[in-house]
C-alpha atoms as a PDB file:
ATOM      1  CA  MET A   1      -0.694   6.146 -23.331  1.00  0.00           C
ATOM      2  CA  ASP A   2       1.931   8.801 -22.531  1.00  0.00           C
ATOM      3  CA  GLN A   3       4.805   6.582 -21.454  1.00  0.00           C
ATOM      4  CA  ASP A   4       7.029   9.462 -20.362  1.00  0.00           C
ATOM      5  CA  ALA A   5       4.295  10.807 -18.072  1.00  0.00           C
ATOM      6  CA  LEU A   6       3.731   7.370 -16.543  1.00  0.00           C
ATOM      7  CA  ARG A   7       7.446   6.954 -15.910  1.00  0.00           C
ATOM      8  CA  SER A   8       7.632  10.396 -14.305  1.00  0.00           C
ATOM      9  CA  ILE A   9       4.681   9.770 -11.969  1.00  0.00           C
ATOM     10  CA  ALA A  10       5.983   6.344 -10.941  1.00  0.00           C
ATOM     11  CA  ALA A  11       9.412   7.826 -10.183  1.00  0.00           C
ATOM     12  CA  ALA A  12       7.819  10.539  -8.018  1.00  0.00           C
ATOM     13  CA  MET A  13       5.859   7.896  -6.086  1.00  0.00           C
ATOM     14  CA  VAL A  14       9.062   6.098  -5.073  1.00  0.00           C
ATOM     15  CA  ALA A  15      11.199   9.195  -4.529  1.00  0.00           C
ATOM     16  CA  PRO A  16      14.125   8.680  -2.106  1.00  0.00           C
ATOM     17  CA  GLY A  17      13.272   9.289   1.545  1.00  0.00           C
ATOM     18  CA  LYS A  18       9.519   9.119   0.972  1.00  0.00           C
ATOM     19  CA  GLY A  19       6.707   6.573   0.923  1.00  0.00           C
ATOM     20  CA  ILE A  20       2.992   6.230   0.237  1.00  0.00           C
ATOM     21  CA  LEU A  21       0.208   6.713   2.776  1.00  0.00           C
ATOM     22  CA  ALA A  22      -2.735   4.351   2.279  1.00  0.00           C
ATOM     23  CA  ALA A  23      -5.762   6.362   3.414  1.00  0.00           C
ATOM     24  CA  ASP A  24      -8.255   4.406   1.329  1.00  0.00           C
ATOM     25  CA  GLU A  25     -10.246   2.512   3.963  1.00  0.00           C
ATOM     26  CA  SER A  26     -13.817   1.772   2.908  1.00  0.00           C
ATOM     27  CA  HIS A  27     -16.735   3.131   4.944  1.00  0.00           C
ATOM     28  CA  GLY A  28     -17.164  -0.260   6.587  1.00  0.00           C
ATOM     29  CA  THR A  29     -13.506  -0.622   7.563  1.00  0.00           C
ATOM     30  CA  ILE A  30     -13.021   2.876   8.948  1.00  0.00           C
ATOM     31  CA  THR A  31     -16.368   2.763  10.767  1.00  0.00           C
ATOM     32  CA  LYS A  32     -15.338  -0.443  12.498  1.00  0.00           C
ATOM     33  CA  ARG A  33     -12.045   1.135  13.606  1.00  0.00           C
ATOM     34  CA  PHE A  34     -13.752   4.336  14.718  1.00  0.00           C
ATOM     35  CA  GLU A  35     -16.430   2.513  16.698  1.00  0.00           C
ATOM     36  CA  ALA A  36     -13.794   0.470  18.545  1.00  0.00           C
ATOM     37  CA  LEU A  37     -12.478   3.801  19.873  1.00  0.00           C
ATOM     38  CA  GLY A  38     -15.869   5.401  20.459  1.00  0.00           C
ATOM     39  CA  ILE A  39     -15.569   7.744  17.465  1.00  0.00           C
ATOM     40  CA  GLU A  40     -18.642   8.613  15.421  1.00  0.00           C
ATOM     41  CA  SER A  41     -18.230   7.714  11.742  1.00  0.00           C
ATOM     42  CA  SER A  42     -19.776  10.492   9.672  1.00  0.00           C
ATOM     43  CA  GLU A  43     -18.721  12.138   6.429  1.00  0.00           C
ATOM     44  CA  GLU A  44     -17.320  15.068   8.421  1.00  0.00           C
ATOM     45  CA  THR A  45     -15.406  13.008  10.995  1.00  0.00           C
ATOM     46  CA  ARG A  46     -13.882  10.943   8.197  1.00  0.00           C
ATOM     47  CA  ARG A  47     -12.934  14.124   6.331  1.00  0.00           C
ATOM     48  CA  ARG A  48     -11.405  15.679   9.423  1.00  0.00           C
ATOM     49  CA  TYR A  49      -9.508  12.505  10.224  1.00  0.00           C
ATOM     50  CA  ARG A  50      -7.984  12.303   6.744  1.00  0.00           C
ATOM     51  CA  GLU A  51      -7.071  16.016   6.845  1.00  0.00           C
ATOM     52  CA  LEU A  52      -5.088  15.343  10.017  1.00  0.00           C
ATOM     53  CA  PHE A  53      -2.602  13.385   7.894  1.00  0.00           C
ATOM     54  CA  PHE A  54      -2.720  15.511   4.757  1.00  0.00           C
ATOM     55  CA  SER A  55      -1.978  18.748   6.643  1.00  0.00           C
ATOM     56  CA  ALA A  56       0.839  17.402   8.856  1.00  0.00           C
ATOM     57  CA  GLY A  57       4.218  19.037   8.438  1.00  0.00           C
ATOM     58  CA  ALA A  58       5.945  15.689   7.917  1.00  0.00           C
ATOM     59  CA  THR A  59       3.681  14.819   5.004  1.00  0.00           C
ATOM     60  CA  SER A  60       5.477  17.023   2.494  1.00  0.00           C
ATOM     61  CA  GLU A  61       8.813  15.724   3.834  1.00  0.00           C
ATOM     62  CA  THR A  62       8.155  11.974   3.965  1.00  0.00           C
ATOM     63  CA  ILE A  63       5.019  11.173   1.926  1.00  0.00           C
ATOM     64  CA  SER A  64       5.235  10.925  -1.872  1.00  0.00           C
ATOM     65  CA  GLY A  65       1.651   9.869  -2.538  1.00  0.00           C
ATOM     66  CA  VAL A  66      -1.671   9.246  -0.802  1.00  0.00           C
ATOM     67  CA  ILE A  67      -4.192   6.581  -1.784  1.00  0.00           C
ATOM     68  CA  LEU A  68      -7.679   8.056  -1.405  1.00  0.00           C
ATOM     69  CA  TYR A  69     -11.131   6.488  -1.179  1.00  0.00           C
ATOM     70  CA  ASP A  70     -13.991   7.516  -3.514  1.00  0.00           C
ATOM     71  CA  GLU A  71     -15.561   9.710  -0.812  1.00  0.00           C
ATOM     72  CA  THR A  72     -12.259  11.361   0.094  1.00  0.00           C
ATOM     73  CA  ILE A  73     -11.201  12.315  -3.433  1.00  0.00           C
ATOM     74  CA  ARG A  74     -14.437  14.331  -3.647  1.00  0.00           C
ATOM     75  CA  GLN A  75     -13.903  16.129  -0.314  1.00  0.00           C
ATOM     76  CA  SER A  76     -12.009  19.304   0.505  1.00  0.00           C
ATOM     77  CA  ALA A  77      -9.669  20.597   3.180  1.00  0.00           C
ATOM     78  CA  SER A  78     -10.954  23.041   5.792  1.00  0.00           C
ATOM     79  CA  ASP A  79      -9.896  25.961   3.569  1.00  0.00           C
ATOM     80  CA  GLY A  80     -12.119  24.685   0.733  1.00  0.00           C
ATOM     81  CA  THR A  81      -9.337  23.291  -1.457  1.00  0.00           C
ATOM     82  CA  PRO A  82     -10.250  19.907  -2.967  1.00  0.00           C
ATOM     83  CA  PHE A  83      -8.057  17.223  -1.414  1.00  0.00           C
ATOM     84  CA  PRO A  84      -6.304  16.241  -4.689  1.00  0.00           C
ATOM     85  CA  ALA A  85      -5.263  19.865  -5.288  1.00  0.00           C
ATOM     86  CA  TYR A  86      -4.397  20.308  -1.610  1.00  0.00           C
ATOM     87  CA  LEU A  87      -2.051  17.315  -1.739  1.00  0.00           C
ATOM     88  CA  GLY A  88      -0.600  18.329  -5.094  1.00  0.00           C
ATOM     89  CA  ALA A  89       0.300  21.760  -3.726  1.00  0.00           C
ATOM     90  CA  ARG A  90       2.331  19.986  -1.027  1.00  0.00           C
ATOM     91  CA  GLY A  91       4.233  17.902  -3.574  1.00  0.00           C
ATOM     92  CA  VAL A  92       2.194  14.765  -2.876  1.00  0.00           C
ATOM     93  CA  VAL A  93       0.740  12.692  -5.731  1.00  0.00           C
ATOM     94  CA  PRO A  94      -2.987  11.928  -5.261  1.00  0.00           C
ATOM     95  CA  GLY A  95      -4.107   8.346  -5.901  1.00  0.00           C
ATOM     96  CA  ILE A  96      -7.339   6.350  -5.700  1.00  0.00           C
ATOM     97  CA  LYS A  97      -8.473   2.858  -4.701  1.00  0.00           C
ATOM     98  CA  VAL A  98     -10.462   1.371  -7.593  1.00  0.00           C
ATOM     99  CA  ASP A  99     -11.161  -2.294  -6.818  1.00  0.00           C
ATOM    100  CA  THR A 100     -14.530  -3.208  -5.304  1.00  0.00           C
ATOM    101  CA  GLY A 101     -13.229  -5.799  -2.886  1.00  0.00           C
ATOM    102  CA  ALA A 102     -12.282  -9.456  -2.647  1.00  0.00           C
ATOM    103  CA  LYS A 103     -15.188 -11.867  -3.121  1.00  0.00           C
ATOM    104  CA  ASP A 104     -15.466 -15.644  -2.803  1.00  0.00           C
ATOM    105  CA  LEU A 105     -13.882 -17.394  -5.804  1.00  0.00           C
ATOM    106  CA  PRO A 106     -16.440 -19.866  -7.225  1.00  0.00           C
ATOM    107  CA  GLY A 107     -15.339 -23.484  -6.944  1.00  0.00           C
ATOM    108  CA  HIS A 108     -12.435 -22.614  -4.642  1.00  0.00           C
ATOM    109  CA  PRO A 109     -13.485 -22.764  -0.962  1.00  0.00           C
ATOM    110  CA  GLY A 110     -11.522 -20.424   1.275  1.00  0.00           C
ATOM    111  CA  GLU A 111     -10.140 -18.360  -1.610  1.00  0.00           C
ATOM    112  CA  LYS A 112     -10.958 -14.882  -2.927  1.00  0.00           C
ATOM    113  CA  VAL A 113     -10.817 -12.999  -6.206  1.00  0.00           C
ATOM    114  CA  THR A 114     -10.844  -9.213  -6.423  1.00  0.00           C
ATOM    115  CA  GLU A 115     -13.621  -7.622  -8.462  1.00  0.00           C
ATOM    116  CA  GLY A 116     -14.114  -4.197 -10.035  1.00  0.00           C
ATOM    117  CA  LEU A 117     -13.211  -4.434 -13.729  1.00  0.00           C
ATOM    118  CA  ASP A 118     -16.753  -3.687 -14.918  1.00  0.00           C
ATOM    119  CA  GLY A 119     -16.986   0.026 -15.723  1.00  0.00           C
ATOM    120  CA  LEU A 120     -13.383   0.623 -14.652  1.00  0.00           C
ATOM    121  CA  ARG A 121     -12.410   2.486 -17.838  1.00  0.00           C
ATOM    122  CA  GLU A 122     -15.110   5.087 -17.203  1.00  0.00           C
ATOM    123  CA  ARG A 123     -14.322   5.366 -13.488  1.00  0.00           C
ATOM    124  CA  LEU A 124     -10.634   5.891 -14.225  1.00  0.00           C
ATOM    125  CA  ALA A 125     -11.462   8.707 -16.654  1.00  0.00           C
ATOM    126  CA  GLU A 126     -13.517  10.418 -13.939  1.00  0.00           C
ATOM    127  CA  TYR A 127     -10.834   9.939 -11.290  1.00  0.00           C
ATOM    128  CA  HIS A 128      -8.225  11.403 -13.644  1.00  0.00           C
ATOM    129  CA  ARG A 129     -10.440  14.498 -14.067  1.00  0.00           C
ATOM    130  CA  LEU A 130     -10.702  14.720 -10.257  1.00  0.00           C
ATOM    131  CA  GLY A 131      -6.905  14.751  -9.985  1.00  0.00           C
ATOM    132  CA  ALA A 132      -5.848  11.137  -9.359  1.00  0.00           C
ATOM    133  CA  ARG A 133      -2.557  10.219 -11.012  1.00  0.00           C
ATOM    134  CA  PHE A 134      -2.179   6.696  -9.657  1.00  0.00           C
ATOM    135  CA  ALA A 135      -4.514   3.922  -8.539  1.00  0.00           C
ATOM    136  CA  LYS A 136      -4.534   0.837  -6.331  1.00  0.00           C
ATOM    137  CA  TRP A 137      -5.996  -2.651  -6.775  1.00  0.00           C
ATOM    138  CA  ARG A 138      -5.450  -5.260  -4.042  1.00  0.00           C
ATOM    139  CA  ALA A 139      -5.548  -9.000  -4.632  1.00  0.00           C
ATOM    140  CA  VAL A 140      -5.382 -11.373  -1.649  1.00  0.00           C
ATOM    141  CA  ILE A 141      -3.834 -14.837  -1.577  1.00  0.00           C
ATOM    142  CA  THR A 142      -4.534 -17.037   1.450  1.00  0.00           C
ATOM    143  CA  ILE A 143      -2.177 -19.783   2.629  1.00  0.00           C
ATOM    144  CA  GLY A 144      -3.922 -22.801   4.124  1.00  0.00           C
ATOM    145  CA  GLU A 145      -4.481 -26.513   3.780  1.00  0.00           C
ATOM    146  CA  GLY A 146      -4.244 -27.181   0.041  1.00  0.00           C
ATOM    147  CA  ILE A 147      -4.356 -23.504  -0.882  1.00  0.00           C
ATOM    148  CA  PRO A 148      -3.613 -21.294  -2.696  1.00  0.00           C
ATOM    149  CA  SER A 149      -4.712 -23.053  -5.852  1.00  0.00           C
ATOM    150  CA  ARG A 150      -3.423 -22.255  -9.305  1.00  0.00           C
ATOM    151  CA  GLY A 151      -6.933 -21.114 -10.157  1.00  0.00           C
ATOM    152  CA  CYS A 152      -6.843 -18.488  -7.421  1.00  0.00           C
ATOM    153  CA  ILE A 153      -3.368 -17.218  -8.278  1.00  0.00           C
ATOM    154  CA  GLU A 154      -4.095 -17.023 -12.008  1.00  0.00           C
ATOM    155  CA  ALA A 155      -7.485 -15.330 -11.576  1.00  0.00           C
ATOM    156  CA  ASN A 156      -6.064 -12.639  -9.308  1.00  0.00           C
ATOM    157  CA  ALA A 157      -2.964 -12.083 -11.446  1.00  0.00           C
ATOM    158  CA  HIS A 158      -5.138 -11.701 -14.555  1.00  0.00           C
ATOM    159  CA  GLY A 159      -7.362  -9.176 -12.774  1.00  0.00           C
ATOM    160  CA  LEU A 160      -4.340  -7.154 -11.657  1.00  0.00           C
ATOM    161  CA  ALA A 161      -2.955  -7.097 -15.203  1.00  0.00           C
ATOM    162  CA  ARG A 162      -6.275  -6.053 -16.784  1.00  0.00           C
ATOM    163  CA  TYR A 163      -6.610  -3.276 -14.201  1.00  0.00           C
ATOM    164  CA  ALA A 164      -3.024  -2.121 -14.786  1.00  0.00           C
ATOM    165  CA  ALA A 165      -3.509  -1.911 -18.544  1.00  0.00           C
ATOM    166  CA  LEU A 166      -6.691   0.145 -18.130  1.00  0.00           C
ATOM    167  CA  CYS A 167      -4.921   2.504 -15.711  1.00  0.00           C
ATOM    168  CA  GLN A 168      -2.064   3.179 -18.098  1.00  0.00           C
ATOM    169  CA  GLU A 169      -4.523   3.776 -20.937  1.00  0.00           C
ATOM    170  CA  ALA A 170      -6.082   6.494 -18.739  1.00  0.00           C
ATOM    171  CA  GLY A 171      -2.731   8.112 -17.889  1.00  0.00           C
ATOM    172  CA  ILE A 172      -2.788   6.683 -14.364  1.00  0.00           C
ATOM    173  CA  VAL A 173       0.053   4.696 -12.769  1.00  0.00           C
ATOM    174  CA  PRO A 174      -1.183   1.393 -11.327  1.00  0.00           C
ATOM    175  CA  ILE A 175      -0.059   0.158  -7.952  1.00  0.00           C
ATOM    176  CA  VAL A 176      -0.034  -3.616  -8.436  1.00  0.00           C
ATOM    177  CA  GLU A 177      -0.780  -5.200  -5.053  1.00  0.00           C
ATOM    178  CA  PRO A 178      -0.698  -9.002  -4.774  1.00  0.00           C
ATOM    179  CA  GLU A 179      -0.860  -9.648  -1.026  1.00  0.00           C
ATOM    180  CA  VAL A 180      -0.015 -13.060   0.358  1.00  0.00           C
ATOM    181  CA  LEU A 181      -1.740 -12.853   3.728  1.00  0.00           C
ATOM    182  CA  MET A 182       0.187 -13.482   6.927  1.00  0.00           C
ATOM    183  CA  ASP A 183      -2.901 -15.018   8.568  1.00  0.00           C
ATOM    184  CA  GLY A 184      -2.259 -18.618   9.585  1.00  0.00           C
ATOM    185  CA  ALA A 185       0.358 -20.870  11.144  1.00  0.00           C
ATOM    186  CA  HIS A 186       2.521 -21.356   8.048  1.00  0.00           C
ATOM    187  CA  THR A 187       6.301 -21.026   8.154  1.00  0.00           C
ATOM    188  CA  ILE A 188       8.333 -18.300   6.537  1.00  0.00           C
ATOM    189  CA  GLU A 189       9.535 -20.885   4.011  1.00  0.00           C
ATOM    190  CA  ARG A 190       5.936 -21.517   2.933  1.00  0.00           C
ATOM    191  CA  CYS A 191       5.296 -17.775   2.660  1.00  0.00           C
ATOM    192  CA  GLN A 192       8.342 -17.413   0.434  1.00  0.00           C
ATOM    193  CA  GLN A 193       7.229 -20.279  -1.811  1.00  0.00           C
ATOM    194  CA  VAL A 194       3.726 -18.848  -2.302  1.00  0.00           C
ATOM    195  CA  THR A 195       4.983 -15.277  -2.739  1.00  0.00           C
ATOM    196  CA  GLU A 196       7.361 -16.384  -5.483  1.00  0.00           C
ATOM    197  CA  GLU A 197       4.666 -18.375  -7.278  1.00  0.00           C
ATOM    198  CA  THR A 198       2.305 -15.393  -7.082  1.00  0.00           C
ATOM    199  CA  LEU A 199       4.805 -12.812  -8.322  1.00  0.00           C
ATOM    200  CA  VAL A 200       5.921 -14.972 -11.252  1.00  0.00           C
ATOM    201  CA  GLU A 201       2.308 -15.277 -12.418  1.00  0.00           C
ATOM    202  CA  VAL A 202       1.588 -11.571 -11.869  1.00  0.00           C
ATOM    203  CA  PHE A 203       4.490 -10.499 -14.075  1.00  0.00           C
ATOM    204  CA  ARG A 204       3.579 -13.110 -16.699  1.00  0.00           C
ATOM    205  CA  GLN A 205       0.080 -11.633 -16.883  1.00  0.00           C
ATOM    206  CA  LEU A 206       1.384  -8.049 -16.943  1.00  0.00           C
ATOM    207  CA  HIS A 207       3.521  -8.998 -19.951  1.00  0.00           C
ATOM    208  CA  VAL A 208       0.586 -10.668 -21.706  1.00  0.00           C
ATOM    209  CA  GLN A 209      -1.531  -7.510 -21.245  1.00  0.00           C
ATOM    210  CA  GLY A 210       1.218  -5.213 -22.551  1.00  0.00           C
ATOM    211  CA  VAL A 211       1.703  -3.276 -19.321  1.00  0.00           C
ATOM    212  CA  LEU A 212       4.657  -0.858 -19.236  1.00  0.00           C
ATOM    213  CA  LEU A 213       6.718  -2.053 -16.264  1.00  0.00           C
ATOM    214  CA  GLU A 214       8.503   1.299 -15.944  1.00  0.00           C
ATOM    215  CA  GLY A 215       5.073   2.829 -15.314  1.00  0.00           C
ATOM    216  CA  ILE A 216       3.931   0.710 -12.359  1.00  0.00           C
ATOM    217  CA  VAL A 217       4.701   0.448  -8.653  1.00  0.00           C
ATOM    218  CA  LEU A 218       4.646  -3.009  -7.066  1.00  0.00           C
ATOM    219  CA  LYS A 219       3.057  -3.292  -3.606  1.00  0.00           C
ATOM    220  CA  PRO A 220       3.835  -6.780  -2.291  1.00  0.00           C
ATOM    221  CA  ASN A 221       3.821  -8.410   1.121  1.00  0.00           C
ATOM    222  CA  MET A 222       7.098  -8.975   2.901  1.00  0.00           C
ATOM    223  CA  VAL A 223       8.125 -12.618   3.330  1.00  0.00           C
ATOM    224  CA  VAL A 224       7.231 -13.255   6.974  1.00  0.00           C
ATOM    225  CA  SER A 225       6.188 -16.111   9.236  1.00  0.00           C
ATOM    226  CA  GLY A 226       2.462 -16.739   9.570  1.00  0.00           C
ATOM    227  CA  ALA A 227       0.964 -14.757  12.441  1.00  0.00           C
ATOM    228  CA  GLU A 228       0.221 -17.988  14.336  1.00  0.00           C
ATOM    229  CA  CYS A 229       3.465 -19.783  13.487  1.00  0.00           C
ATOM    230  CA  ALA A 230       5.318 -21.036  16.571  1.00  0.00           C
ATOM    231  CA  VAL A 231       8.643 -19.815  15.145  1.00  0.00           C
ATOM    232  CA  GLN A 232       8.747 -16.152  14.192  1.00  0.00           C
ATOM    233  CA  ALA A 233      11.564 -15.197  11.831  1.00  0.00           C
ATOM    234  CA  SER A 234      14.048 -12.523  12.852  1.00  0.00           C
ATOM    235  CA  VAL A 235      14.180  -9.092  11.251  1.00  0.00           C
ATOM    236  CA  GLU A 236      17.328 -10.120   9.400  1.00  0.00           C
ATOM    237  CA  GLU A 237      15.748 -13.297   7.988  1.00  0.00           C
ATOM    238  CA  VAL A 238      12.636 -11.450   6.839  1.00  0.00           C
ATOM    239  CA  ALA A 239      14.783  -8.894   5.027  1.00  0.00           C
ATOM    240  CA  ALA A 240      17.043 -11.501   3.390  1.00  0.00           C
ATOM    241  CA  ARG A 241      14.224 -13.798   2.257  1.00  0.00           C
ATOM    242  CA  THR A 242      12.132 -10.912   0.964  1.00  0.00           C
ATOM    243  CA  LEU A 243      14.997  -9.539  -1.110  1.00  0.00           C
ATOM    244  CA  ASP A 244      15.890 -13.006  -2.434  1.00  0.00           C
ATOM    245  CA  THR A 245      12.287 -13.493  -3.533  1.00  0.00           C
ATOM    246  CA  LEU A 246      12.087 -10.120  -5.252  1.00  0.00           C
ATOM    247  CA  ARG A 247      15.387 -10.624  -7.078  1.00  0.00           C
ATOM    248  CA  ARG A 248      14.095 -13.918  -8.463  1.00  0.00           C
ATOM    249  CA  CYS A 249      10.707 -12.599  -9.555  1.00  0.00           C
ATOM    250  CA  VAL A 250      10.619  -8.836 -10.167  1.00  0.00           C
ATOM    251  CA  PRO A 251      12.172  -7.342 -13.336  1.00  0.00           C
ATOM    252  CA  SER A 252      14.613  -4.502 -12.806  1.00  0.00           C
ATOM    253  CA  ALA A 253      12.489  -2.335 -15.124  1.00  0.00           C
ATOM    254  CA  VAL A 254      10.042  -1.803 -12.239  1.00  0.00           C
ATOM    255  CA  PRO A 255      11.018   1.560 -10.673  1.00  0.00           C
ATOM    256  CA  GLY A 256      10.007   0.817  -7.114  1.00  0.00           C
ATOM    257  CA  ILE A 257       8.577  -1.599  -4.587  1.00  0.00           C
ATOM    258  CA  ALA A 258       6.316  -0.092  -1.919  1.00  0.00           C
ATOM    259  CA  PHE A 259       5.721  -2.736   0.725  1.00  0.00           C
ATOM    260  CA  LEU A 260       2.428  -3.188   2.517  1.00  0.00           C
ATOM    261  CA  SER A 261       2.553  -3.740   6.270  1.00  0.00           C
ATOM    262  CA  GLY A 262      -0.011  -6.543   6.166  1.00  0.00           C
ATOM    263  CA  GLY A 263      -0.855  -6.696   9.847  1.00  0.00           C
ATOM    264  CA  GLN A 264       2.682  -6.276  11.188  1.00  0.00           C
ATOM    265  CA  SER A 265       3.168  -4.020  14.193  1.00  0.00           C
ATOM    266  CA  ASP A 266       4.193  -0.435  13.468  1.00  0.00           C
ATOM    267  CA  GLU A 267       7.747  -1.048  14.653  1.00  0.00           C
ATOM    268  CA  ASP A 268       8.173  -4.387  12.856  1.00  0.00           C
ATOM    269  CA  ALA A 269       7.088  -2.903   9.533  1.00  0.00           C
ATOM    270  CA  THR A 270       9.652  -0.127   9.959  1.00  0.00           C
ATOM    271  CA  ALA A 271      12.452  -2.437  11.113  1.00  0.00           C
ATOM    272  CA  HIS A 272      11.958  -4.854   8.210  1.00  0.00           C
ATOM    273  CA  LEU A 273      12.052  -2.045   5.647  1.00  0.00           C
ATOM    274  CA  ASP A 274      15.160  -0.618   7.280  1.00  0.00           C
ATOM    275  CA  ALA A 275      16.935  -3.988   7.231  1.00  0.00           C
ATOM    276  CA  MET A 276      16.289  -4.415   3.514  1.00  0.00           C
ATOM    277  CA  ASN A 277      17.656  -0.978   2.725  1.00  0.00           C
ATOM    278  CA  ARG A 278      20.729  -1.673   4.852  1.00  0.00           C
ATOM    279  CA  ILE A 279      21.449  -4.738   2.717  1.00  0.00           C
ATOM    280  CA  GLY A 280      21.224  -2.544  -0.375  1.00  0.00           C
ATOM    281  CA  THR A 281      22.167  -3.619  -3.950  1.00  0.00           C
ATOM    282  CA  ALA A 282      18.520  -3.785  -5.041  1.00  0.00           C
ATOM    283  CA  PRO A 283      17.723  -2.566  -8.586  1.00  0.00           C
ATOM    284  CA  TRP A 284      14.498  -0.894  -7.413  1.00  0.00           C
ATOM    285  CA  GLN A 285      13.641   1.745  -4.830  1.00  0.00           C
ATOM    286  CA  LEU A 286      12.452  -0.019  -1.654  1.00  0.00           C
ATOM    287  CA  THR A 287       9.816   2.033   0.118  1.00  0.00           C
ATOM    288  CA  PHE A 288       6.566   1.754   2.066  1.00  0.00           C
ATOM    289  CA  SER A 289       2.842   1.996   1.365  1.00  0.00           C
ATOM    290  CA  TYR A 290       1.398   1.646   4.846  1.00  0.00           C
ATOM    291  CA  GLY A 291      -2.089   2.198   6.195  1.00  0.00           C
ATOM    292  CA  ARG A 292      -2.510   1.124   9.805  1.00  0.00           C
ATOM    293  CA  ALA A 293       1.258   1.103  10.389  1.00  0.00           C
ATOM    294  CA  LEU A 294       1.218   4.878   9.811  1.00  0.00           C
ATOM    295  CA  GLN A 295      -2.227   5.724  11.179  1.00  0.00           C
ATOM    296  CA  ALA A 296      -2.995   3.519  14.188  1.00  0.00           C
ATOM    297  CA  ALA A 297      -1.178   5.538  16.846  1.00  0.00           C
ATOM    298  CA  ALA A 298      -2.614   8.797  15.518  1.00  0.00           C
ATOM    299  CA  MET A 299      -6.159   7.420  15.451  1.00  0.00           C
ATOM    300  CA  ARG A 300      -5.913   6.231  19.068  1.00  0.00           C
ATOM    301  CA  THR A 301      -4.474   9.581  20.152  1.00  0.00           C
ATOM    302  CA  TRP A 302      -7.081  11.634  18.275  1.00  0.00           C
ATOM    303  CA  GLY A 303     -10.114   9.711  19.488  1.00  0.00           C
ATOM    304  CA  GLY A 304     -12.402  12.057  17.565  1.00  0.00           C
ATOM    305  CA  GLN A 305     -11.560  15.009  19.811  1.00  0.00           C
ATOM    306  CA  GLU A 306     -10.512  18.310  18.244  1.00  0.00           C
ATOM    307  CA  GLY A 307      -8.298  19.111  21.233  1.00  0.00           C
ATOM    308  CA  ASN A 308      -6.241  15.979  20.591  1.00  0.00           C
ATOM    309  CA  LEU A 309      -5.297  16.938  17.028  1.00  0.00           C
ATOM    310  CA  PRO A 310      -1.820  18.322  17.862  1.00  0.00           C
ATOM    311  CA  ALA A 311      -0.843  15.156  19.746  1.00  0.00           C
ATOM    312  CA  ALA A 312      -2.345  12.938  17.036  1.00  0.00           C
ATOM    313  CA  THR A 313      -0.442  14.847  14.366  1.00  0.00           C
ATOM    314  CA  ALA A 314       2.777  14.370  16.342  1.00  0.00           C
ATOM    315  CA  ALA A 315       2.104  10.621  16.595  1.00  0.00           C
ATOM    316  CA  PHE A 316       1.677  10.367  12.827  1.00  0.00           C
ATOM    317  CA  GLU A 317       4.722  12.516  12.107  1.00  0.00           C
ATOM    318  CA  HIS A 318       6.853  10.279  14.304  1.00  0.00           C
ATOM    319  CA  ARG A 319       5.825   7.149  12.391  1.00  0.00           C
ATOM    320  CA  ALA A 320       6.248   8.876   9.030  1.00  0.00           C
ATOM    321  CA  ARG A 321       9.735  10.071   9.918  1.00  0.00           C
ATOM    322  CA  MET A 322      10.762   6.651  11.260  1.00  0.00           C
ATOM    323  CA  ASN A 323       9.782   5.086   7.960  1.00  0.00           C
ATOM    324  CA  GLY A 324      11.490   7.870   6.045  1.00  0.00           C
ATOM    325  CA  LEU A 325      14.686   6.933   7.871  1.00  0.00           C
ATOM    326  CA  ALA A 326      14.077   3.233   7.153  1.00  0.00           C
ATOM    327  CA  ARG A 327      13.954   4.142   3.451  1.00  0.00           C
ATOM    328  CA  ALA A 328      17.634   4.991   3.753  1.00  0.00           C
ATOM    329  CA  GLY A 329      18.615   2.225   6.193  1.00  0.00           C
ATOM    330  CA  ARG A 330      19.092   4.766   8.997  1.00  0.00           C
ATOM    331  CA  TYR A 331      16.387   3.667  11.440  1.00  0.00           C
ATOM    332  CA  GLU A 332      17.300   2.500  14.960  1.00  0.00           C
ATOM    333  CA  ALA A 333      14.855   0.893  17.402  1.00  0.00           C
ATOM    334  CA  ALA A 334      16.160   3.214  20.115  1.00  0.00           C
ATOM    335  CA  MET A 335      14.603   6.105  18.208  1.00  0.00           C
ATOM    336  CA  GLU A 336      11.153   4.869  19.283  1.00  0.00           C
ATOM    337  CA  SER A 337      11.721   5.336  23.015  1.00  0.00           C
ATOM    338  CA  ALA A 338      13.816   8.468  22.561  1.00  0.00           C
ATOM    339  CA  THR A 339      10.927  10.363  20.947  1.00  0.00           C
END
């Protein structure tokens, strides 16, 4: 393990003013989104769609890294340059999704555990040769009646730590993503309680597995009200509770926290990030690692039509720049209607 290299890559991933684009949707997920808009899902349409984001002018300004899918890391831009090299030439760190999905956790109805450790060492070596310098593994924690259980939290935290250790062995920075889902009618207080319990266990397991904290990026949920909760917390409360939770649970050795959007609207995800950076005083960089919150408007605008690419690119660049401003606590809601 080259600790200096891991530290350097992690620092680049959370560089000031920039964030991470999650473009790692599986075939099933992206096909479902394409079909809802009448877009054919083929290898070429998926390649062209991803290139829309990689080639945008705002990408080199506001995107520090891109999480790729297995198909995408093997594809090339229209000029024939492999995507990892294409991104690297623009100052963007290429990454790769390596988990194989969340499956039912035996003996724990309604709960999931993420799989993909089998053969991971070999897959990481191949992805490193292809140009990946960071990876992503997502664990999901559901809030419901009597859940999450300790068994679920511990199983997912252990999987994240094993994955992270294998990544660092391969010279790859792990994004550690324990997502407490916002699905449900739970209160923001309940979300905070579960998020804290999850993060404490994740960092306990990372310590047990000997993971270098300076060589990871944490990708957690924000502390928000359940999507079906009758009382939705304000932007200010979300920011304050999220920061309180992180201060209690996340060591200052971690270089950066790249939040997932987790089903929030585009604007809410940006506003919450902005509010946290306005509060300031955090020991880590606070940035974004968004998928739909960066892509949804562009996908709708593109619609699979080549003639719509300029407008789709503009839609993406707007969202990327709004989040770049939120990184510095300089975002204003009025900027949405003014553009």
